[in-house]
mmCIF file of all heavy atoms, coordinates in Angstrom:
data_MODEL
# 
_entry.id   MODEL 
# 
loop_
_atom_site.group_PDB 
_atom_site.id 
_atom_site.type_symbol 
_atom_site.label_atom_id 
_atom_site.label_alt_id 
_atom_site.label_comp_id 
_atom_site.label_asym_id 
_atom_site.label_entity_id 
_atom_site.label_seq_id 
_atom_site.pdbx_PDB_ins_code 
_atom_site.Cartn_x 
_atom_site.Cartn_y 
_atom_site.Cartn_z 
_atom_site.occupancy 
_atom_site.B_iso_or_equiv 
_atom_site.pdbx_formal_charge 
_atom_site.auth_seq_id 
_atom_site.auth_comp_id 
_atom_site.auth_asym_id 
_atom_site.auth_atom_id 
_atom_site.pdbx_PDB_model_num 
ATOM 1   N N   . ARG A 1 1  ? 23.767 155.351 178.652 1.00 0.00 ? 1  ARG A N   1 
ATOM 2   C CA  . ARG A 1 1  ? 24.183 156.056 179.870 1.00 0.00 ? 1  ARG A CA  1 
ATOM 3   C C   . ARG A 1 1  ? 24.307 157.555 179.625 1.00 0.00 ? 1  ARG A C   1 
ATOM 4   O O   . ARG A 1 1  ? 24.246 158.334 180.571 1.00 0.00 ? 1  ARG A O   1 
ATOM 5   C CB  . ARG A 1 1  ? 25.518 155.508 180.375 1.00 0.00 ? 1  ARG A CB  1 
ATOM 6   C CG  . ARG A 1 1  ? 25.441 154.072 180.867 1.00 0.00 ? 1  ARG A CG  1 
ATOM 7   C CD  . ARG A 1 1  ? 26.804 153.565 181.265 1.00 0.00 ? 1  ARG A CD  1 
ATOM 8   N NE  . ARG A 1 1  ? 27.670 153.474 180.089 1.00 0.00 ? 1  ARG A NE  1 
ATOM 9   C CZ  . ARG A 1 1  ? 28.970 153.165 180.133 1.00 0.00 ? 1  ARG A CZ  1 
ATOM 10  N NH1 . ARG A 1 1  ? 29.547 152.903 181.290 1.00 0.00 ? 1  ARG A NH1 1 
ATOM 11  N NH2 . ARG A 1 1  ? 29.674 153.088 179.026 1.00 0.00 ? 1  ARG A NH2 1 
ATOM 12  N N   . PHE A 1 2  ? 24.493 157.947 178.370 1.00 0.00 ? 2  PHE A N   1 
ATOM 13  C CA  . PHE A 1 2  ? 24.625 159.371 178.050 1.00 0.00 ? 2  PHE A CA  1 
ATOM 14  C C   . PHE A 1 2  ? 23.228 159.977 177.972 1.00 0.00 ? 2  PHE A C   1 
ATOM 15  O O   . PHE A 1 2  ? 22.552 159.886 176.946 1.00 0.00 ? 2  PHE A O   1 
ATOM 16  C CB  . PHE A 1 2  ? 25.390 159.564 176.737 1.00 0.00 ? 2  PHE A CB  1 
ATOM 17  C CG  . PHE A 1 2  ? 26.831 159.165 176.851 1.00 0.00 ? 2  PHE A CG  1 
ATOM 18  C CD1 . PHE A 1 2  ? 27.238 157.898 176.495 1.00 0.00 ? 2  PHE A CD1 1 
ATOM 19  C CD2 . PHE A 1 2  ? 27.778 160.054 177.331 1.00 0.00 ? 2  PHE A CD2 1 
ATOM 20  C CE1 . PHE A 1 2  ? 28.565 157.515 176.607 1.00 0.00 ? 2  PHE A CE1 1 
ATOM 21  C CE2 . PHE A 1 2  ? 29.113 159.681 177.449 1.00 0.00 ? 2  PHE A CE2 1 
ATOM 22  C CZ  . PHE A 1 2  ? 29.506 158.411 177.085 1.00 0.00 ? 2  PHE A CZ  1 
ATOM 23  N N   . LEU A 1 3  ? 22.816 160.571 179.067 1.00 0.00 ? 3  LEU A N   1 
ATOM 24  C CA  . LEU A 1 3  ? 21.480 161.142 179.156 1.00 0.00 ? 3  LEU A CA  1 
ATOM 25  C C   . LEU A 1 3  ? 21.523 162.645 178.947 1.00 0.00 ? 3  LEU A C   1 
ATOM 26  O O   . LEU A 1 3  ? 22.501 163.301 179.297 1.00 0.00 ? 3  LEU A O   1 
ATOM 27  C CB  . LEU A 1 3  ? 20.866 160.835 180.527 1.00 0.00 ? 3  LEU A CB  1 
ATOM 28  C CG  . LEU A 1 3  ? 20.687 159.355 180.860 1.00 0.00 ? 3  LEU A CG  1 
ATOM 29  C CD1 . LEU A 1 3  ? 20.195 159.204 182.285 1.00 0.00 ? 3  LEU A CD1 1 
ATOM 30  C CD2 . LEU A 1 3  ? 19.725 158.708 179.886 1.00 0.00 ? 3  LEU A CD2 1 
ATOM 31  N N   . GLN A 1 4  ? 20.461 163.140 178.398 1.00 0.00 ? 4  GLN A N   1 
ATOM 32  C CA  . GLN A 1 4  ? 20.267 164.576 178.204 1.00 0.00 ? 4  GLN A CA  1 
ATOM 33  C C   . GLN A 1 4  ? 21.333 165.148 177.281 1.00 0.00 ? 4  GLN A C   1 
ATOM 34  O O   . GLN A 1 4  ? 21.486 164.679 176.173 1.00 0.00 ? 4  GLN A O   1 
ATOM 35  C CB  . GLN A 1 4  ? 20.205 165.299 179.543 1.00 0.00 ? 4  GLN A CB  1 
ATOM 36  C CG  . GLN A 1 4  ? 19.098 164.826 180.453 1.00 0.00 ? 4  GLN A CG  1 
ATOM 37  C CD  . GLN A 1 4  ? 17.698 164.991 179.881 1.00 0.00 ? 4  GLN A CD  1 
ATOM 38  O OE1 . GLN A 1 4  ? 17.460 165.784 178.985 1.00 0.00 ? 4  GLN A OE1 1 
ATOM 39  N NE2 . GLN A 1 4  ? 16.764 164.234 180.398 1.00 0.00 ? 4  GLN A NE2 1 
ATOM 40  N N   . TYR A 1 5  ? 22.112 166.118 177.777 1.00 0.00 ? 5  TYR A N   1 
ATOM 41  C CA  . TYR A 1 5  ? 22.953 166.899 176.895 1.00 0.00 ? 5  TYR A CA  1 
ATOM 42  C C   . TYR A 1 5  ? 24.420 166.487 176.954 1.00 0.00 ? 5  TYR A C   1 
ATOM 43  O O   . TYR A 1 5  ? 25.004 166.408 178.016 1.00 0.00 ? 5  TYR A O   1 
ATOM 44  C CB  . TYR A 1 5  ? 22.830 168.391 177.233 1.00 0.00 ? 5  TYR A CB  1 
ATOM 45  C CG  . TYR A 1 5  ? 23.441 169.247 176.178 1.00 0.00 ? 5  TYR A CG  1 
ATOM 46  C CD1 . TYR A 1 5  ? 22.714 169.605 175.056 1.00 0.00 ? 5  TYR A CD1 1 
ATOM 47  C CD2 . TYR A 1 5  ? 24.761 169.615 176.238 1.00 0.00 ? 5  TYR A CD2 1 
ATOM 48  C CE1 . TYR A 1 5  ? 23.287 170.339 174.047 1.00 0.00 ? 5  TYR A CE1 1 
ATOM 49  C CE2 . TYR A 1 5  ? 25.349 170.347 175.237 1.00 0.00 ? 5  TYR A CE2 1 
ATOM 50  C CZ  . TYR A 1 5  ? 24.600 170.707 174.150 1.00 0.00 ? 5  TYR A CZ  1 
ATOM 51  O OH  . TYR A 1 5  ? 25.174 171.419 173.139 1.00 0.00 ? 5  TYR A OH  1 
ATOM 52  N N   . GLY A 1 6  ? 25.013 166.266 175.815 1.00 0.00 ? 6  GLY A N   1 
ATOM 53  C CA  . GLY A 1 6  ? 26.450 166.124 175.693 1.00 0.00 ? 6  GLY A CA  1 
ATOM 54  C C   . GLY A 1 6  ? 26.977 164.714 175.575 1.00 0.00 ? 6  GLY A C   1 
ATOM 55  O O   . GLY A 1 6  ? 26.613 163.833 176.341 1.00 0.00 ? 6  GLY A O   1 
ATOM 56  N N   . PHE A 1 7  ? 27.814 164.516 174.581 1.00 0.00 ? 7  PHE A N   1 
ATOM 57  C CA  . PHE A 1 7  ? 28.596 163.309 174.347 1.00 0.00 ? 7  PHE A CA  1 
ATOM 58  C C   . PHE A 1 7  ? 27.798 162.110 173.860 1.00 0.00 ? 7  PHE A C   1 
ATOM 59  O O   . PHE A 1 7  ? 28.356 161.039 173.682 1.00 0.00 ? 7  PHE A O   1 
ATOM 60  C CB  . PHE A 1 7  ? 29.425 162.929 175.586 1.00 0.00 ? 7  PHE A CB  1 
ATOM 61  C CG  . PHE A 1 7  ? 30.513 163.913 175.873 1.00 0.00 ? 7  PHE A CG  1 
ATOM 62  C CD1 . PHE A 1 7  ? 30.298 164.967 176.739 1.00 0.00 ? 7  PHE A CD1 1 
ATOM 63  C CD2 . PHE A 1 7  ? 31.744 163.805 175.247 1.00 0.00 ? 7  PHE A CD2 1 
ATOM 64  C CE1 . PHE A 1 7  ? 31.293 165.896 176.984 1.00 0.00 ? 7  PHE A CE1 1 
ATOM 65  C CE2 . PHE A 1 7  ? 32.752 164.721 175.493 1.00 0.00 ? 7  PHE A CE2 1 
ATOM 66  C CZ  . PHE A 1 7  ? 32.516 165.773 176.367 1.00 0.00 ? 7  PHE A CZ  1 
ATOM 67  N N   . ASN A 1 8  ? 26.518 162.256 173.606 1.00 0.00 ? 8  ASN A N   1 
ATOM 68  C CA  . ASN A 1 8  ? 25.747 161.114 173.113 1.00 0.00 ? 8  ASN A CA  1 
ATOM 69  C C   . ASN A 1 8  ? 26.170 160.736 171.697 1.00 0.00 ? 8  ASN A C   1 
ATOM 70  O O   . ASN A 1 8  ? 26.554 159.600 171.447 1.00 0.00 ? 8  ASN A O   1 
ATOM 71  C CB  . ASN A 1 8  ? 24.241 161.368 173.215 1.00 0.00 ? 8  ASN A CB  1 
ATOM 72  C CG  . ASN A 1 8  ? 23.830 162.710 172.659 1.00 0.00 ? 8  ASN A CG  1 
ATOM 73  O OD1 . ASN A 1 8  ? 24.620 163.427 172.043 1.00 0.00 ? 8  ASN A OD1 1 
ATOM 74  N ND2 . ASN A 1 8  ? 22.590 163.074 172.879 1.00 0.00 ? 8  ASN A ND2 1 
ATOM 75  N N   . ARG A 1 9  ? 26.134 161.655 170.767 1.00 0.00 ? 9  ARG A N   1 
ATOM 76  C CA  . ARG A 1 9  ? 26.558 161.347 169.397 1.00 0.00 ? 9  ARG A CA  1 
ATOM 77  C C   . ARG A 1 9  ? 28.075 161.237 169.286 1.00 0.00 ? 9  ARG A C   1 
ATOM 78  O O   . ARG A 1 9  ? 28.595 160.467 168.490 1.00 0.00 ? 9  ARG A O   1 
ATOM 79  C CB  . ARG A 1 9  ? 26.009 162.386 168.416 1.00 0.00 ? 9  ARG A CB  1 
ATOM 80  C CG  . ARG A 1 9  ? 24.526 162.171 168.144 1.00 0.00 ? 9  ARG A CG  1 
ATOM 81  C CD  . ARG A 1 9  ? 23.938 163.116 167.115 1.00 0.00 ? 9  ARG A CD  1 
ATOM 82  N NE  . ARG A 1 9  ? 23.893 164.465 167.638 1.00 0.00 ? 9  ARG A NE  1 
ATOM 83  C CZ  . ARG A 1 9  ? 24.475 165.524 167.075 1.00 0.00 ? 9  ARG A CZ  1 
ATOM 84  N NH1 . ARG A 1 9  ? 25.117 165.407 165.942 1.00 0.00 ? 9  ARG A NH1 1 
ATOM 85  N NH2 . ARG A 1 9  ? 24.394 166.712 167.621 1.00 0.00 ? 9  ARG A NH2 1 
ATOM 86  N N   . ILE A 1 10 ? 28.807 161.975 170.098 1.00 0.00 ? 10 ILE A N   1 
ATOM 87  C CA  . ILE A 1 10 ? 30.270 161.882 170.086 1.00 0.00 ? 10 ILE A CA  1 
ATOM 88  C C   . ILE A 1 10 ? 30.689 160.473 170.480 1.00 0.00 ? 10 ILE A C   1 
ATOM 89  O O   . ILE A 1 10 ? 31.567 159.869 169.851 1.00 0.00 ? 10 ILE A O   1 
ATOM 90  C CB  . ILE A 1 10 ? 30.898 162.937 171.023 1.00 0.00 ? 10 ILE A CB  1 
ATOM 91  C CG1 . ILE A 1 10 ? 30.686 164.341 170.457 1.00 0.00 ? 10 ILE A CG1 1 
ATOM 92  C CG2 . ILE A 1 10 ? 32.387 162.663 171.230 1.00 0.00 ? 10 ILE A CG2 1 
ATOM 93  C CD1 . ILE A 1 10 ? 31.117 165.455 171.403 1.00 0.00 ? 10 ILE A CD1 1 
ATOM 94  N N   . SER A 1 11 ? 30.073 159.918 171.513 1.00 0.00 ? 11 SER A N   1 
ATOM 95  C CA  . SER A 1 11 ? 30.440 158.572 171.964 1.00 0.00 ? 11 SER A CA  1 
ATOM 96  C C   . SER A 1 11 ? 30.105 157.533 170.894 1.00 0.00 ? 11 SER A C   1 
ATOM 97  O O   . SER A 1 11 ? 30.885 156.612 170.658 1.00 0.00 ? 11 SER A O   1 
ATOM 98  C CB  . SER A 1 11 ? 29.750 158.231 173.286 1.00 0.00 ? 11 SER A CB  1 
ATOM 99  O OG  . SER A 1 11 ? 28.345 158.192 173.143 1.00 0.00 ? 11 SER A OG  1 
ATOM 100 N N   . GLN A 1 12 ? 28.975 157.687 170.248 1.00 0.00 ? 12 GLN A N   1 
ATOM 101 C CA  . GLN A 1 12 ? 28.575 156.730 169.205 1.00 0.00 ? 12 GLN A CA  1 
ATOM 102 C C   . GLN A 1 12 ? 29.563 156.771 168.034 1.00 0.00 ? 12 GLN A C   1 
ATOM 103 O O   . GLN A 1 12 ? 30.010 155.734 167.547 1.00 0.00 ? 12 GLN A O   1 
ATOM 104 C CB  . GLN A 1 12 ? 27.160 157.028 168.723 1.00 0.00 ? 12 GLN A CB  1 
ATOM 105 C CG  . GLN A 1 12 ? 26.667 156.108 167.630 1.00 0.00 ? 12 GLN A CG  1 
ATOM 106 C CD  . GLN A 1 12 ? 26.286 154.726 168.120 1.00 0.00 ? 12 GLN A CD  1 
ATOM 107 O OE1 . GLN A 1 12 ? 26.059 154.517 169.293 1.00 0.00 ? 12 GLN A OE1 1 
ATOM 108 N NE2 . GLN A 1 12 ? 26.221 153.785 167.214 1.00 0.00 ? 12 GLN A NE2 1 
ATOM 109 N N   . ALA A 1 13 ? 29.919 157.964 167.588 1.00 0.00 ? 13 ALA A N   1 
ATOM 110 C CA  . ALA A 1 13 ? 30.862 158.093 166.472 1.00 0.00 ? 13 ALA A CA  1 
ATOM 111 C C   . ALA A 1 13 ? 32.244 157.573 166.864 1.00 0.00 ? 13 ALA A C   1 
ATOM 112 O O   . ALA A 1 13 ? 32.925 156.920 166.064 1.00 0.00 ? 13 ALA A O   1 
ATOM 113 C CB  . ALA A 1 13 ? 30.947 159.542 166.010 1.00 0.00 ? 13 ALA A CB  1 
ATOM 114 N N   . CYS A 1 14 ? 32.650 157.833 168.076 1.00 0.00 ? 14 CYS A N   1 
ATOM 115 C CA  . CYS A 1 14 ? 33.933 157.346 168.577 1.00 0.00 ? 14 CYS A CA  1 
ATOM 116 C C   . CYS A 1 14 ? 33.963 155.820 168.539 1.00 0.00 ? 14 CYS A C   1 
ATOM 117 O O   . CYS A 1 14 ? 34.940 155.217 168.071 1.00 0.00 ? 14 CYS A O   1 
ATOM 118 C CB  . CYS A 1 14 ? 34.138 157.863 170.000 1.00 0.00 ? 14 CYS A CB  1 
ATOM 119 S SG  . CYS A 1 14 ? 35.559 157.215 170.861 1.00 0.00 ? 14 CYS A SG  1 
ATOM 120 N N   . GLU A 1 15 ? 32.885 155.185 168.997 1.00 0.00 ? 15 GLU A N   1 
ATOM 121 C CA  . GLU A 1 15 ? 32.858 153.724 168.980 1.00 0.00 ? 15 GLU A CA  1 
ATOM 122 C C   . GLU A 1 15 ? 32.822 153.181 167.559 1.00 0.00 ? 15 GLU A C   1 
ATOM 123 O O   . GLU A 1 15 ? 33.481 152.174 167.255 1.00 0.00 ? 15 GLU A O   1 
ATOM 124 C CB  . GLU A 1 15 ? 31.696 153.163 169.785 1.00 0.00 ? 15 GLU A CB  1 
ATOM 125 C CG  . GLU A 1 15 ? 31.733 151.653 169.824 1.00 0.00 ? 15 GLU A CG  1 
ATOM 126 C CD  . GLU A 1 15 ? 30.942 151.011 170.927 1.00 0.00 ? 15 GLU A CD  1 
ATOM 127 O OE1 . GLU A 1 15 ? 30.243 151.712 171.669 1.00 0.00 ? 15 GLU A OE1 1 
ATOM 128 O OE2 . GLU A 1 15 ? 31.026 149.765 171.038 1.00 0.00 ? 15 GLU A OE2 1 
ATOM 129 N N   . LEU A 1 16 ? 32.083 153.813 166.679 1.00 0.00 ? 16 LEU A N   1 
ATOM 130 C CA  . LEU A 1 16 ? 32.088 153.388 165.277 1.00 0.00 ? 16 LEU A CA  1 
ATOM 131 C C   . LEU A 1 16 ? 33.509 153.411 164.724 1.00 0.00 ? 16 LEU A C   1 
ATOM 132 O O   . LEU A 1 16 ? 33.946 152.476 164.052 1.00 0.00 ? 16 LEU A O   1 
ATOM 133 C CB  . LEU A 1 16 ? 31.180 154.289 164.433 1.00 0.00 ? 16 LEU A CB  1 
ATOM 134 C CG  . LEU A 1 16 ? 29.684 154.128 164.621 1.00 0.00 ? 16 LEU A CG  1 
ATOM 135 C CD1 . LEU A 1 16 ? 28.941 155.284 163.960 1.00 0.00 ? 16 LEU A CD1 1 
ATOM 136 C CD2 . LEU A 1 16 ? 29.211 152.793 164.060 1.00 0.00 ? 16 LEU A CD2 1 
ATOM 137 N N   . HIS A 1 17 ? 34.214 154.468 165.015 1.00 0.00 ? 17 HIS A N   1 
ATOM 138 C CA  . HIS A 1 17 ? 35.602 154.610 164.579 1.00 0.00 ? 17 HIS A CA  1 
ATOM 139 C C   . HIS A 1 17 ? 36.460 153.472 165.138 1.00 0.00 ? 17 HIS A C   1 
ATOM 140 O O   . HIS A 1 17 ? 37.192 152.811 164.401 1.00 0.00 ? 17 HIS A O   1 
ATOM 141 C CB  . HIS A 1 17 ? 36.129 155.973 165.018 1.00 0.00 ? 17 HIS A CB  1 
ATOM 142 C CG  . HIS A 1 17 ? 37.583 156.161 164.854 1.00 0.00 ? 17 HIS A CG  1 
ATOM 143 N ND1 . HIS A 1 17 ? 38.203 156.263 163.625 1.00 0.00 ? 17 HIS A ND1 1 
ATOM 144 C CD2 . HIS A 1 17 ? 38.576 156.263 165.781 1.00 0.00 ? 17 HIS A CD2 1 
ATOM 145 C CE1 . HIS A 1 17 ? 39.493 156.419 163.791 1.00 0.00 ? 17 HIS A CE1 1 
ATOM 146 N NE2 . HIS A 1 17 ? 39.758 156.419 165.092 1.00 0.00 ? 17 HIS A NE2 1 
ATOM 147 N N   . MET A 1 18 ? 36.362 153.235 166.427 1.00 0.00 ? 18 MET A N   1 
ATOM 148 C CA  . MET A 1 18 ? 37.150 152.171 167.073 1.00 0.00 ? 18 MET A CA  1 
ATOM 149 C C   . MET A 1 18 ? 36.812 150.801 166.490 1.00 0.00 ? 18 MET A C   1 
ATOM 150 O O   . MET A 1 18 ? 37.672 149.940 166.374 1.00 0.00 ? 18 MET A O   1 
ATOM 151 C CB  . MET A 1 18 ? 36.903 152.155 168.582 1.00 0.00 ? 18 MET A CB  1 
ATOM 152 C CG  . MET A 1 18 ? 37.486 153.322 169.335 1.00 0.00 ? 18 MET A CG  1 
ATOM 153 S SD  . MET A 1 18 ? 39.257 153.208 169.575 1.00 0.00 ? 18 MET A SD  1 
ATOM 154 C CE  . MET A 1 18 ? 39.389 151.776 170.630 1.00 0.00 ? 18 MET A CE  1 
ATOM 155 N N   . ALA A 1 19 ? 35.542 150.604 166.123 1.00 0.00 ? 19 ALA A N   1 
ATOM 156 C CA  . ALA A 1 19 ? 35.083 149.317 165.589 1.00 0.00 ? 19 ALA A CA  1 
ATOM 157 C C   . ALA A 1 19 ? 35.461 149.119 164.121 1.00 0.00 ? 19 ALA A C   1 
ATOM 158 O O   . ALA A 1 19 ? 35.172 148.074 163.550 1.00 0.00 ? 19 ALA A O   1 
ATOM 159 C CB  . ALA A 1 19 ? 33.573 149.195 165.766 1.00 0.00 ? 19 ALA A CB  1 
ATOM 160 N N   . GLY A 1 20 ? 36.088 150.128 163.523 1.00 0.00 ? 20 GLY A N   1 
ATOM 161 C CA  . GLY A 1 20 ? 36.564 149.974 162.149 1.00 0.00 ? 20 GLY A CA  1 
ATOM 162 C C   . GLY A 1 20 ? 35.648 150.529 161.074 1.00 0.00 ? 20 GLY A C   1 
ATOM 163 O O   . GLY A 1 20 ? 35.891 150.321 159.885 1.00 0.00 ? 20 GLY A O   1 
ATOM 164 N N   . PHE A 1 21 ? 34.612 151.258 161.462 1.00 0.00 ? 21 PHE A N   1 
ATOM 165 C CA  . PHE A 1 21 ? 33.709 151.834 160.471 1.00 0.00 ? 21 PHE A CA  1 
ATOM 166 C C   . PHE A 1 21 ? 34.370 153.005 159.754 1.00 0.00 ? 21 PHE A C   1 
ATOM 167 O O   . PHE A 1 21 ? 35.236 153.685 160.298 1.00 0.00 ? 21 PHE A O   1 
ATOM 168 C CB  . PHE A 1 21 ? 32.404 152.301 161.132 1.00 0.00 ? 21 PHE A CB  1 
ATOM 169 C CG  . PHE A 1 21 ? 31.427 151.196 161.364 1.00 0.00 ? 21 PHE A CG  1 
ATOM 170 C CD1 . PHE A 1 21 ? 31.586 150.338 162.442 1.00 0.00 ? 21 PHE A CD1 1 
ATOM 171 C CD2 . PHE A 1 21 ? 30.362 150.992 160.503 1.00 0.00 ? 21 PHE A CD2 1 
ATOM 172 C CE1 . PHE A 1 21 ? 30.693 149.306 162.666 1.00 0.00 ? 21 PHE A CE1 1 
ATOM 173 C CE2 . PHE A 1 21 ? 29.466 149.958 160.714 1.00 0.00 ? 21 PHE A CE2 1 
ATOM 174 C CZ  . PHE A 1 21 ? 29.641 149.109 161.797 1.00 0.00 ? 21 PHE A CZ  1 
ATOM 175 N N   . ARG A 1 22 ? 33.933 153.228 158.528 1.00 0.00 ? 22 ARG A N   1 
ATOM 176 C CA  . ARG A 1 22 ? 34.348 154.377 157.729 1.00 0.00 ? 22 ARG A CA  1 
ATOM 177 C C   . ARG A 1 22 ? 33.165 155.326 157.620 1.00 0.00 ? 22 ARG A C   1 
ATOM 178 O O   . ARG A 1 22 ? 32.014 154.909 157.739 1.00 0.00 ? 22 ARG A O   1 
ATOM 179 C CB  . ARG A 1 22 ? 34.810 153.908 156.339 1.00 0.00 ? 22 ARG A CB  1 
ATOM 180 C CG  . ARG A 1 22 ? 36.046 153.035 156.452 1.00 0.00 ? 22 ARG A CG  1 
ATOM 181 C CD  . ARG A 1 22 ? 36.486 152.329 155.185 1.00 0.00 ? 22 ARG A CD  1 
ATOM 182 N NE  . ARG A 1 22 ? 36.016 152.841 153.930 1.00 0.00 ? 22 ARG A NE  1 
ATOM 183 C CZ  . ARG A 1 22 ? 35.642 152.061 152.909 1.00 0.00 ? 22 ARG A CZ  1 
ATOM 184 N NH1 . ARG A 1 22 ? 35.688 150.740 153.008 1.00 0.00 ? 22 ARG A NH1 1 
ATOM 185 N NH2 . ARG A 1 22 ? 35.247 152.583 151.787 1.00 0.00 ? 22 ARG A NH2 1 
ATOM 186 N N   . PHE A 1 23 ? 33.460 156.591 157.351 1.00 0.00 ? 23 PHE A N   1 
ATOM 187 C CA  . PHE A 1 23 ? 32.445 157.635 157.289 1.00 0.00 ? 23 PHE A CA  1 
ATOM 188 C C   . PHE A 1 23 ? 32.411 158.220 155.871 1.00 0.00 ? 23 PHE A C   1 
ATOM 189 O O   . PHE A 1 23 ? 33.385 158.825 155.428 1.00 0.00 ? 23 PHE A O   1 
ATOM 190 C CB  . PHE A 1 23 ? 32.750 158.741 158.308 1.00 0.00 ? 23 PHE A CB  1 
ATOM 191 C CG  . PHE A 1 23 ? 32.720 158.256 159.731 1.00 0.00 ? 23 PHE A CG  1 
ATOM 192 C CD1 . PHE A 1 23 ? 33.838 157.707 160.326 1.00 0.00 ? 23 PHE A CD1 1 
ATOM 193 C CD2 . PHE A 1 23 ? 31.551 158.349 160.473 1.00 0.00 ? 23 PHE A CD2 1 
ATOM 194 C CE1 . PHE A 1 23 ? 33.812 157.253 161.632 1.00 0.00 ? 23 PHE A CE1 1 
ATOM 195 C CE2 . PHE A 1 23 ? 31.512 157.894 161.783 1.00 0.00 ? 23 PHE A CE2 1 
ATOM 196 C CZ  . PHE A 1 23 ? 32.640 157.348 162.369 1.00 0.00 ? 23 PHE A CZ  1 
ATOM 197 N N   . ALA A 1 24 ? 31.292 158.022 155.179 1.00 0.00 ? 24 ALA A N   1 
ATOM 198 C CA  . ALA A 1 24 ? 31.110 158.518 153.811 1.00 0.00 ? 24 ALA A CA  1 
ATOM 199 C C   . ALA A 1 24 ? 30.069 159.630 153.819 1.00 0.00 ? 24 ALA A C   1 
ATOM 200 O O   . ALA A 1 24 ? 28.928 159.416 154.248 1.00 0.00 ? 24 ALA A O   1 
ATOM 201 C CB  . ALA A 1 24 ? 30.668 157.383 152.889 1.00 0.00 ? 24 ALA A CB  1 
ATOM 202 N N   . VAL A 1 25 ? 30.465 160.812 153.384 1.00 0.00 ? 25 VAL A N   1 
ATOM 203 C CA  . VAL A 1 25 ? 29.564 161.964 153.367 1.00 0.00 ? 25 VAL A CA  1 
ATOM 204 C C   . VAL A 1 25 ? 28.706 161.905 152.112 1.00 0.00 ? 25 VAL A C   1 
ATOM 205 O O   . VAL A 1 25 ? 29.215 161.722 151.000 1.00 0.00 ? 25 VAL A O   1 
ATOM 206 C CB  . VAL A 1 25 ? 30.349 163.290 153.423 1.00 0.00 ? 25 VAL A CB  1 
ATOM 207 C CG1 . VAL A 1 25 ? 29.414 164.488 153.353 1.00 0.00 ? 25 VAL A CG1 1 
ATOM 208 C CG2 . VAL A 1 25 ? 31.207 163.336 154.689 1.00 0.00 ? 25 VAL A CG2 1 
ATOM 209 N N   . LEU A 1 26 ? 27.404 162.056 152.308 1.00 0.00 ? 26 LEU A N   1 
ATOM 210 C CA  . LEU A 1 26 ? 26.473 162.052 151.182 1.00 0.00 ? 26 LEU A CA  1 
ATOM 211 C C   . LEU A 1 26 ? 26.351 163.446 150.588 1.00 0.00 ? 26 LEU A C   1 
ATOM 212 O O   . LEU A 1 26 ? 26.411 164.445 151.301 1.00 0.00 ? 26 LEU A O   1 
ATOM 213 C CB  . LEU A 1 26 ? 25.093 161.573 151.633 1.00 0.00 ? 26 LEU A CB  1 
ATOM 214 C CG  . LEU A 1 26 ? 24.996 160.126 152.090 1.00 0.00 ? 26 LEU A CG  1 
ATOM 215 C CD1 . LEU A 1 26 ? 23.575 159.816 152.559 1.00 0.00 ? 26 LEU A CD1 1 
ATOM 216 C CD2 . LEU A 1 26 ? 25.407 159.174 150.977 1.00 0.00 ? 26 LEU A CD2 1 
# 
């Protein structure tokens, strides 16, 4: 639903966080 500009990657990262994912920087 996030088309064009804004909140596309923010929404994905937010959901990953809510789902319990961790973020490891390479």
